[in-house]
Amino acid sequence: MQGNAHQVPLPQIDNPKYVIAHASVVDRDGNSVGSVRDVRTNPDGSVNQIHVDVGGKVVALSPTGLRYQRDKKQLITGLSKDEIQAMPESSG
C-alpha cells in the first residue's frame, strides 16, 4: 500500500465534488485503475458515490474507505484493480 502522509478521508475534503472531479484512481497497491467521471453528492454536500471510468466502463464506488492524496490528485481505494474491473457497469 502507498504511504499515507498526504492522504485524507473524503469527509475531510471541502467541496469534494469539485476537488476530486477528474482525479485519477489507484488501487491499494498503487496500480492505476481509471479516473473519476462523476461525483454524486448528498444534499449536505457529502459524497454518496463516485463514478470511475475503468477502461471505457463506468463503475460506481462507495466513498467508504477511499482516501484522497492531494499532491497527486489521486483517489486511493482499498480494493484491487481486478476487483474494480469485475464490478458491474453503473446504470446512472
N, C-alpha and C. Protein backbone atom coordinates (compact mmCIF):
# COMPACT_ATOMS: atom_id res chain seq x y z
N MET A 1 0.85 -1.18 0.00
CA MET A 1 0.00 0.00 0.00
C MET A 1 0.89 1.24 0.00
N GLN A 2 0.42 2.28 -0.59
CA GLN A 2 1.19 3.51 -0.69
C GLN A 2 1.28 4.17 0.67
N GLY A 3 2.32 5.00 0.86
CA GLY A 3 2.43 5.79 2.08
C GLY A 3 1.25 6.72 2.20
N ASN A 4 0.88 7.09 3.42
CA ASN A 4 -0.33 7.89 3.57
C ASN A 4 -0.07 9.26 4.19
N ALA A 5 1.12 9.80 4.03
CA ALA A 5 1.46 11.08 4.63
C ALA A 5 0.55 12.21 4.19
N HIS A 6 0.11 12.22 2.95
CA HIS A 6 -0.71 13.31 2.44
C HIS A 6 -2.11 12.85 2.04
N GLN A 7 -2.54 11.72 2.58
CA GLN A 7 -3.85 11.19 2.24
C GLN A 7 -4.87 11.60 3.29
N VAL A 8 -6.06 11.96 2.82
CA VAL A 8 -7.12 12.35 3.75
C VAL A 8 -8.41 11.60 3.37
N PRO A 9 -9.21 11.25 4.37
CA PRO A 9 -10.51 10.64 4.08
C PRO A 9 -11.41 11.65 3.38
N LEU A 10 -12.31 11.18 2.54
CA LEU A 10 -13.18 12.07 1.78
C LEU A 10 -14.00 13.02 2.64
N PRO A 11 -14.50 12.60 3.82
CA PRO A 11 -15.28 13.55 4.63
C PRO A 11 -14.50 14.79 5.07
N GLN A 12 -13.18 14.73 5.01
CA GLN A 12 -12.37 15.87 5.43
C GLN A 12 -12.08 16.85 4.29
N ILE A 13 -12.62 16.59 3.11
CA ILE A 13 -12.36 17.45 1.96
C ILE A 13 -13.51 18.44 1.80
N ASP A 14 -13.18 19.71 1.75
CA ASP A 14 -14.18 20.74 1.47
C ASP A 14 -14.50 20.71 -0.02
N ASN A 15 -15.78 20.79 -0.35
CA ASN A 15 -16.26 20.80 -1.73
C ASN A 15 -15.71 19.62 -2.54
N PRO A 16 -15.96 18.39 -2.07
CA PRO A 16 -15.39 17.22 -2.75
C PRO A 16 -15.82 17.06 -4.20
N LYS A 17 -17.03 17.50 -4.54
CA LYS A 17 -17.50 17.35 -5.93
C LYS A 17 -16.55 18.07 -6.89
N TYR A 18 -16.04 19.21 -6.48
CA TYR A 18 -15.10 19.97 -7.30
C TYR A 18 -13.67 19.45 -7.15
N VAL A 19 -13.25 19.20 -5.92
CA VAL A 19 -11.86 18.84 -5.65
C VAL A 19 -11.45 17.51 -6.28
N ILE A 20 -12.32 16.50 -6.21
CA ILE A 20 -11.91 15.20 -6.72
C ILE A 20 -12.39 14.92 -8.15
N ALA A 21 -13.08 15.89 -8.75
CA ALA A 21 -13.50 15.70 -10.14
C ALA A 21 -12.28 15.46 -11.02
N HIS A 22 -12.33 14.44 -11.82
CA HIS A 22 -11.26 14.08 -12.77
C HIS A 22 -9.98 13.60 -12.11
N ALA A 23 -10.03 13.30 -10.80
CA ALA A 23 -8.84 12.72 -10.14
C ALA A 23 -8.56 11.34 -10.72
N SER A 24 -7.33 10.93 -10.66
CA SER A 24 -7.01 9.56 -11.06
C SER A 24 -7.34 8.64 -9.88
N VAL A 25 -7.57 7.38 -10.17
CA VAL A 25 -7.90 6.40 -9.13
C VAL A 25 -6.87 5.28 -9.19
N VAL A 26 -6.32 4.95 -8.03
CA VAL A 26 -5.35 3.86 -7.93
C VAL A 26 -5.84 2.85 -6.91
N ASP A 27 -5.41 1.60 -7.09
CA ASP A 27 -5.81 0.56 -6.15
C ASP A 27 -4.88 0.55 -4.95
N ARG A 28 -5.10 -0.38 -4.06
CA ARG A 28 -4.34 -0.44 -2.80
C ARG A 28 -2.85 -0.66 -3.01
N ASP A 29 -2.47 -1.19 -4.19
CA ASP A 29 -1.05 -1.41 -4.49
C ASP A 29 -0.45 -0.30 -5.34
N GLY A 30 -1.23 0.74 -5.63
CA GLY A 30 -0.73 1.86 -6.41
C GLY A 30 -0.89 1.70 -7.90
N ASN A 31 -1.59 0.64 -8.34
CA ASN A 31 -1.83 0.43 -9.77
C ASN A 31 -2.93 1.38 -10.26
N SER A 32 -2.71 1.98 -11.39
CA SER A 32 -3.72 2.87 -11.97
C SER A 32 -4.96 2.06 -12.36
N VAL A 33 -6.12 2.58 -11.96
CA VAL A 33 -7.39 1.90 -12.23
C VAL A 33 -8.21 2.67 -13.25
N GLY A 34 -8.23 3.98 -13.13
CA GLY A 34 -9.03 4.80 -14.02
C GLY A 34 -9.07 6.24 -13.53
N SER A 35 -10.15 6.94 -13.89
CA SER A 35 -10.28 8.33 -13.46
C SER A 35 -11.72 8.62 -13.09
N VAL A 36 -11.89 9.61 -12.24
CA VAL A 36 -13.23 9.99 -11.78
C VAL A 36 -13.99 10.59 -12.95
N ARG A 37 -15.17 10.07 -13.20
CA ARG A 37 -16.05 10.58 -14.26
C ARG A 37 -17.09 11.52 -13.66
N ASP A 38 -17.59 11.17 -12.44
CA ASP A 38 -18.65 11.96 -11.81
C ASP A 38 -18.62 11.72 -10.31
N VAL A 39 -18.99 12.75 -9.57
CA VAL A 39 -19.09 12.65 -8.11
C VAL A 39 -20.53 12.96 -7.74
N ARG A 40 -21.21 11.99 -7.16
CA ARG A 40 -22.60 12.18 -6.71
C ARG A 40 -22.57 12.55 -5.24
N THR A 41 -23.30 13.60 -4.89
CA THR A 41 -23.31 14.05 -3.51
C THR A 41 -24.70 14.00 -2.91
N ASN A 42 -24.75 13.97 -1.60
CA ASN A 42 -25.99 14.06 -0.83
C ASN A 42 -26.36 15.53 -0.71
N PRO A 43 -27.59 15.84 -0.27
CA PRO A 43 -27.99 17.24 -0.10
C PRO A 43 -27.06 18.06 0.80
N ASP A 44 -26.39 17.39 1.75
CA ASP A 44 -25.49 18.11 2.65
C ASP A 44 -24.09 18.32 2.04
N GLY A 45 -23.88 17.84 0.80
CA GLY A 45 -22.59 18.02 0.13
C GLY A 45 -21.62 16.87 0.33
N SER A 46 -21.96 15.92 1.18
CA SER A 46 -21.07 14.77 1.37
C SER A 46 -21.18 13.84 0.16
N VAL A 47 -20.13 13.08 -0.08
CA VAL A 47 -20.06 12.19 -1.24
C VAL A 47 -20.93 10.96 -1.02
N ASN A 48 -21.77 10.65 -2.01
CA ASN A 48 -22.63 9.48 -1.98
C ASN A 48 -22.03 8.35 -2.82
N GLN A 49 -21.59 8.68 -4.03
CA GLN A 49 -20.99 7.72 -4.96
C GLN A 49 -19.98 8.42 -5.84
N ILE A 50 -18.99 7.65 -6.26
CA ILE A 50 -18.01 8.17 -7.21
C ILE A 50 -18.02 7.26 -8.42
N HIS A 51 -18.30 7.83 -9.58
CA HIS A 51 -18.32 7.06 -10.82
C HIS A 51 -16.93 7.16 -11.45
N VAL A 52 -16.35 6.00 -11.70
CA VAL A 52 -14.98 5.91 -12.19
C VAL A 52 -14.97 5.24 -13.56
N ASP A 53 -14.29 5.87 -14.50
CA ASP A 53 -14.09 5.29 -15.82
C ASP A 53 -12.94 4.30 -15.75
N VAL A 54 -13.26 3.03 -15.95
CA VAL A 54 -12.27 1.96 -15.86
C VAL A 54 -12.16 1.34 -17.25
N GLY A 55 -11.31 1.90 -18.07
CA GLY A 55 -11.10 1.35 -19.41
C GLY A 55 -12.35 1.34 -20.27
N GLY A 56 -13.11 2.42 -20.24
CA GLY A 56 -14.30 2.52 -21.07
C GLY A 56 -15.58 2.06 -20.40
N LYS A 57 -15.48 1.47 -19.23
CA LYS A 57 -16.64 1.05 -18.45
C LYS A 57 -16.70 1.93 -17.21
N VAL A 58 -17.88 2.43 -16.87
CA VAL A 58 -18.02 3.28 -15.69
C VAL A 58 -18.61 2.47 -14.55
N VAL A 59 -17.90 2.43 -13.42
CA VAL A 59 -18.37 1.72 -12.23
C VAL A 59 -18.57 2.72 -11.10
N ALA A 60 -19.46 2.37 -10.18
CA ALA A 60 -19.75 3.24 -9.05
C ALA A 60 -19.03 2.72 -7.81
N LEU A 61 -18.22 3.59 -7.20
CA LEU A 61 -17.53 3.25 -5.97
C LEU A 61 -18.17 3.98 -4.80
N SER A 62 -18.26 3.29 -3.70
CA SER A 62 -18.71 3.92 -2.46
C SER A 62 -17.55 4.75 -1.92
N PRO A 63 -17.85 5.88 -1.30
CA PRO A 63 -16.76 6.70 -0.75
C PRO A 63 -16.11 6.08 0.49
N THR A 64 -16.77 5.09 1.08
CA THR A 64 -16.24 4.45 2.28
C THR A 64 -14.88 3.83 1.99
N GLY A 65 -13.91 4.19 2.74
CA GLY A 65 -12.58 3.62 2.58
C GLY A 65 -11.71 4.32 1.55
N LEU A 66 -12.27 5.23 0.77
CA LEU A 66 -11.45 5.97 -0.19
C LEU A 66 -10.69 7.08 0.52
N ARG A 67 -9.48 7.30 0.08
CA ARG A 67 -8.67 8.39 0.62
C ARG A 67 -8.18 9.22 -0.56
N TYR A 68 -7.97 10.50 -0.32
CA TYR A 68 -7.54 11.42 -1.38
C TYR A 68 -6.12 11.89 -1.10
N GLN A 69 -5.27 11.76 -2.09
CA GLN A 69 -3.89 12.23 -1.97
C GLN A 69 -3.81 13.53 -2.75
N ARG A 70 -3.80 14.64 -2.01
CA ARG A 70 -3.88 15.97 -2.60
C ARG A 70 -2.75 16.28 -3.57
N ASP A 71 -1.52 15.97 -3.19
CA ASP A 71 -0.38 16.36 -4.02
C ASP A 71 -0.37 15.64 -5.38
N LYS A 72 -0.98 14.47 -5.46
CA LYS A 72 -1.02 13.72 -6.72
C LYS A 72 -2.39 13.76 -7.38
N LYS A 73 -3.36 14.40 -6.70
CA LYS A 73 -4.75 14.42 -7.17
C LYS A 73 -5.21 13.01 -7.52
N GLN A 74 -5.06 12.12 -6.51
CA GLN A 74 -5.42 10.71 -6.67
C GLN A 74 -6.38 10.27 -5.59
N LEU A 75 -7.31 9.41 -5.97
CA LEU A 75 -8.13 8.69 -5.00
C LEU A 75 -7.52 7.31 -4.85
N ILE A 76 -7.39 6.87 -3.63
CA ILE A 76 -6.81 5.56 -3.36
C ILE A 76 -7.89 4.69 -2.73
N THR A 77 -8.11 3.53 -3.32
CA THR A 77 -9.11 2.61 -2.83
C THR A 77 -8.45 1.39 -2.18
N GLY A 78 -9.17 0.77 -1.28
CA GLY A 78 -8.68 -0.45 -0.64
C GLY A 78 -8.93 -1.68 -1.48
N LEU A 79 -9.62 -1.51 -2.60
CA LEU A 79 -9.89 -2.64 -3.50
C LEU A 79 -8.71 -2.86 -4.44
N SER A 80 -8.64 -4.06 -5.00
CA SER A 80 -7.62 -4.33 -6.01
C SER A 80 -8.15 -3.90 -7.38
N LYS A 81 -7.25 -3.76 -8.33
CA LYS A 81 -7.64 -3.40 -9.69
C LYS A 81 -8.58 -4.45 -10.27
N ASP A 82 -8.29 -5.72 -10.03
CA ASP A 82 -9.14 -6.80 -10.53
C ASP A 82 -10.55 -6.72 -9.94
N GLU A 83 -10.65 -6.41 -8.65
CA GLU A 83 -11.97 -6.29 -8.01
C GLU A 83 -12.78 -5.15 -8.64
N ILE A 84 -12.12 -4.05 -8.92
CA ILE A 84 -12.81 -2.90 -9.51
C ILE A 84 -13.23 -3.22 -10.95
N GLN A 85 -12.35 -3.83 -11.72
CA GLN A 85 -12.67 -4.17 -13.10
C GLN A 85 -13.80 -5.19 -13.19
N ALA A 86 -13.97 -6.01 -12.15
CA ALA A 86 -15.03 -7.02 -12.15
C ALA A 86 -16.38 -6.46 -11.71
N MET A 87 -16.41 -5.21 -11.25
CA MET A 87 -17.66 -4.61 -10.81
C MET A 87 -18.59 -4.39 -12.00
N PRO A 88 -19.91 -4.44 -11.75
CA PRO A 88 -20.85 -4.18 -12.85
C PRO A 88 -20.81 -2.72 -13.28
N GLU A 89 -21.14 -2.51 -14.52
CA GLU A 89 -21.20 -1.13 -15.03
C GLU A 89 -22.32 -0.38 -14.34
N SER A 90 -22.05 0.89 -14.02
CA SER A 90 -23.03 1.73 -13.36
C SER A 90 -24.15 2.09 -14.33
N SER A 91 -25.38 2.09 -13.82
CA SER A 91 -26.52 2.40 -14.68
C SER A 91 -26.87 3.89 -14.66
N GLY A 92 -26.19 4.65 -13.82
CA GLY A 92 -26.55 6.06 -13.77
C GLY A 92 -25.46 6.86 -13.34
